[in-house]
């Protein structure tokens, strides 16, 4: 079993998008709407209350490696501040969602892609992280294809 950390988008990105109403990485306009779908929020990784929560939509680039091909796409966050998710367990609210785990290697090269489907999340994640060369993974929505969160190996301290 691999130890791992699941993280929402960086707090600085969410803060900047809320403050400027623009994508911090691209400058595209951001939009506010009442949630018409479950999301989830890409910062706190909690699902939205449909018809109640206000959410902010903006363009986000999930790769930090300068050699990786850009893969910008739409993401939603709560309009009001929320805390960044950073933990070694998948949030319970994400378990029933249609999920895909993608394993990436050097320079953002996609090495493996697995649907979670009706399987348990942890064995699928372990399969992805066990692929030779896999350095980190992205969690995506299997219906819309959009980025949800980054998953990094959490190595124990020396």
Protein backbone atom coordinates (compact mmCIF):
# COMPACT_ATOMS: atom_id res chain seq x y z
CA UNK A 1 0.00 0.00 0.00
CA UNK A 2 1.30 3.42 -0.93
CA UNK A 3 1.03 6.38 1.40
CA UNK A 4 -0.37 9.40 -0.39
CA UNK A 5 -1.74 12.94 0.03
CA UNK A 6 -4.79 14.26 -1.78
CA UNK A 7 -4.77 18.03 -2.23
CA UNK A 8 -7.17 20.62 -3.54
CA UNK A 9 -5.88 23.37 -5.80
CA UNK A 10 -3.45 25.85 -4.20
CA UNK A 11 -5.08 28.33 -1.81
CA UNK A 12 -3.32 31.20 -3.62
CA UNK A 13 -5.08 30.31 -6.90
CA UNK A 14 -8.53 30.27 -5.25
CA UNK A 15 -7.88 33.51 -3.37
CA UNK A 16 -6.72 35.29 -6.52
CA UNK A 17 -9.69 34.03 -8.57
CA UNK A 18 -12.15 35.24 -5.92
CA UNK A 19 -10.42 38.64 -5.59
CA UNK A 20 -9.98 39.43 -9.30
CA UNK A 21 -12.84 37.42 -10.84
CA UNK A 22 -10.30 36.13 -13.37
CA UNK A 23 -8.33 32.95 -13.88
CA UNK A 24 -5.02 33.67 -12.12
CA UNK A 25 -3.11 31.55 -14.64
CA UNK A 26 -4.73 32.77 -17.87
CA UNK A 27 -6.59 36.01 -17.16
CA UNK A 28 -9.88 34.64 -18.53
CA UNK A 29 -13.00 35.99 -16.82
CA UNK A 30 -14.42 33.97 -13.93
CA UNK A 31 -18.16 33.50 -13.45
CA UNK A 32 -20.37 33.13 -10.39
CA UNK A 33 -23.50 31.01 -10.46
CA UNK A 34 -25.75 29.06 -8.15
CA UNK A 35 -24.66 25.41 -8.25
CA UNK A 36 -26.51 23.37 -10.86
CA UNK A 37 -24.34 20.30 -10.26
CA UNK A 38 -22.41 18.59 -7.49
CA UNK A 39 -18.97 19.88 -8.53
CA UNK A 40 -17.00 19.29 -6.30
CA UNK A 41 -15.23 22.43 -5.09
CA UNK A 42 -11.62 22.01 -6.26
CA UNK A 43 -10.28 23.66 -3.11
CA UNK A 44 -12.10 21.98 -0.20
CA UNK A 45 -13.14 18.92 -2.30
CA UNK A 46 -16.68 18.99 -0.89
CA UNK A 47 -19.66 18.67 -3.20
CA UNK A 48 -21.94 21.66 -3.79
CA UNK A 49 -25.49 21.99 -2.50
CA UNK A 50 -27.36 22.17 -5.82
CA UNK A 51 -29.58 25.24 -6.01
CA UNK A 52 -28.06 26.77 -2.88
CA UNK A 53 -24.25 27.16 -2.99
CA UNK A 54 -22.71 29.93 -5.06
CA UNK A 55 -19.74 28.68 -7.03
CA UNK A 56 -17.02 30.38 -9.02
CA UNK A 57 -16.04 28.93 -12.42
CA UNK A 58 -12.61 29.66 -13.89
CA UNK A 59 -9.86 28.14 -16.07
CA UNK A 60 -7.21 26.14 -14.21
CA UNK A 61 -3.96 24.50 -15.34
CA UNK A 62 -3.22 21.52 -13.03
CA UNK A 63 0.37 20.87 -14.15
CA UNK A 64 3.17 22.66 -12.34
CA UNK A 65 6.00 21.03 -14.35
CA UNK A 66 7.12 23.55 -16.98
CA UNK A 67 7.87 20.69 -19.42
CA UNK A 68 4.34 19.26 -19.22
CA UNK A 69 1.89 19.98 -22.00
CA UNK A 70 -0.72 22.47 -20.78
CA UNK A 71 -4.11 20.95 -19.97
CA UNK A 72 -6.26 23.89 -18.85
CA UNK A 73 -9.88 23.27 -18.06
CA UNK A 74 -12.85 24.61 -16.12
CA UNK A 75 -12.98 24.20 -12.35
CA UNK A 76 -15.45 25.29 -9.69
CA UNK A 77 -14.74 26.55 -6.19
CA UNK A 78 -17.05 27.91 -3.52
CA UNK A 79 -17.64 31.64 -4.04
CA UNK A 80 -17.04 32.22 -0.33
CA UNK A 81 -13.71 31.20 1.25
CA UNK A 82 -13.30 27.56 2.26
CA UNK A 83 -10.30 25.57 3.45
CA UNK A 84 -7.94 23.65 1.18
CA UNK A 85 -8.23 19.88 1.44
CA UNK A 86 -4.89 18.24 2.21
CA UNK A 87 -5.13 14.77 3.73
CA UNK A 88 -4.14 11.12 3.31
CA UNK A 89 -7.67 9.90 2.66
CA UNK A 90 -10.26 10.44 -0.06
CA UNK A 91 -13.11 12.68 1.17
CA UNK A 92 -16.26 10.60 1.72
CA UNK A 93 -18.27 13.01 -0.46
CA UNK A 94 -16.13 12.02 -3.48
CA UNK A 95 -16.51 8.25 -3.12
CA UNK A 96 -19.89 7.98 -4.90
CA UNK A 97 -18.77 10.18 -7.82
CA UNK A 98 -17.58 8.79 -11.17
CA UNK A 99 -13.80 8.98 -10.74
CA UNK A 100 -10.73 8.40 -12.91
CA UNK A 101 -7.17 8.25 -11.58
CA UNK A 102 -4.38 9.25 -13.97
CA UNK A 103 -0.73 8.48 -13.21
CA UNK A 104 1.93 10.86 -14.49
CA UNK A 105 5.70 10.58 -14.87
CA UNK A 106 8.47 12.98 -15.78
CA UNK A 107 7.48 16.10 -17.72
CA UNK A 108 3.79 15.38 -17.13
CA UNK A 109 3.73 12.27 -19.32
CA UNK A 110 0.49 10.31 -18.86
CA UNK A 111 1.49 6.73 -17.98
CA UNK A 112 -1.73 5.10 -16.84
CA UNK A 113 -5.42 5.92 -16.57
CA UNK A 114 -7.92 3.87 -14.55
CA UNK A 115 -11.62 4.31 -13.86
CA UNK A 116 -12.58 3.65 -10.27
CA UNK A 117 -16.13 2.60 -11.19
CA UNK A 118 -17.65 0.25 -8.64
CA UNK A 119 -14.21 -0.73 -7.28
CA UNK A 120 -12.82 0.65 -4.05
CA UNK A 121 -10.74 3.80 -4.56
CA UNK A 122 -7.63 2.67 -2.65
CA UNK A 123 -6.78 -0.48 -4.69
CA UNK A 124 -7.17 1.46 -7.96
CA UNK A 125 -4.94 4.26 -6.65
CA UNK A 126 -2.33 1.72 -5.51
CA UNK A 127 -2.38 0.13 -8.97
CA UNK A 128 -1.76 3.55 -10.57
CA UNK A 129 1.00 4.53 -8.12
CA UNK A 130 2.67 1.11 -8.58
CA UNK A 131 3.16 1.67 -12.30
CA UNK A 132 6.92 2.15 -12.91
CA UNK A 133 7.81 5.81 -13.36
CA UNK A 134 4.63 7.18 -11.83
CA UNK A 135 5.50 10.28 -9.81
CA UNK A 136 2.02 11.63 -8.97
CA UNK A 137 -1.61 11.27 -10.00
CA UNK A 138 -4.59 13.41 -10.90
CA UNK A 139 -8.13 12.62 -9.83
CA UNK A 140 -10.66 13.45 -12.54
CA UNK A 141 -14.40 13.25 -13.05
CA UNK A 142 -15.12 10.25 -15.32
CA UNK A 143 -18.21 11.91 -16.83
CA UNK A 144 -16.95 15.43 -17.56
CA UNK A 145 -13.21 14.61 -17.68
CA UNK A 146 -12.34 17.63 -15.57
CA UNK A 147 -9.59 17.84 -12.96
CA UNK A 148 -10.61 17.35 -9.31
CA UNK A 149 -7.42 17.01 -7.24
CA UNK A 150 -3.73 16.11 -7.23
CA UNK A 151 -2.44 13.01 -5.44
CA UNK A 152 1.19 12.88 -4.36
CA UNK A 153 3.12 10.06 -2.75
CA UNK A 154 3.61 10.81 0.92
CA UNK A 155 6.99 9.40 1.74
CA UNK A 156 7.74 8.84 5.42
CA UNK A 157 10.47 11.10 6.80
CA UNK A 158 14.03 9.68 6.86
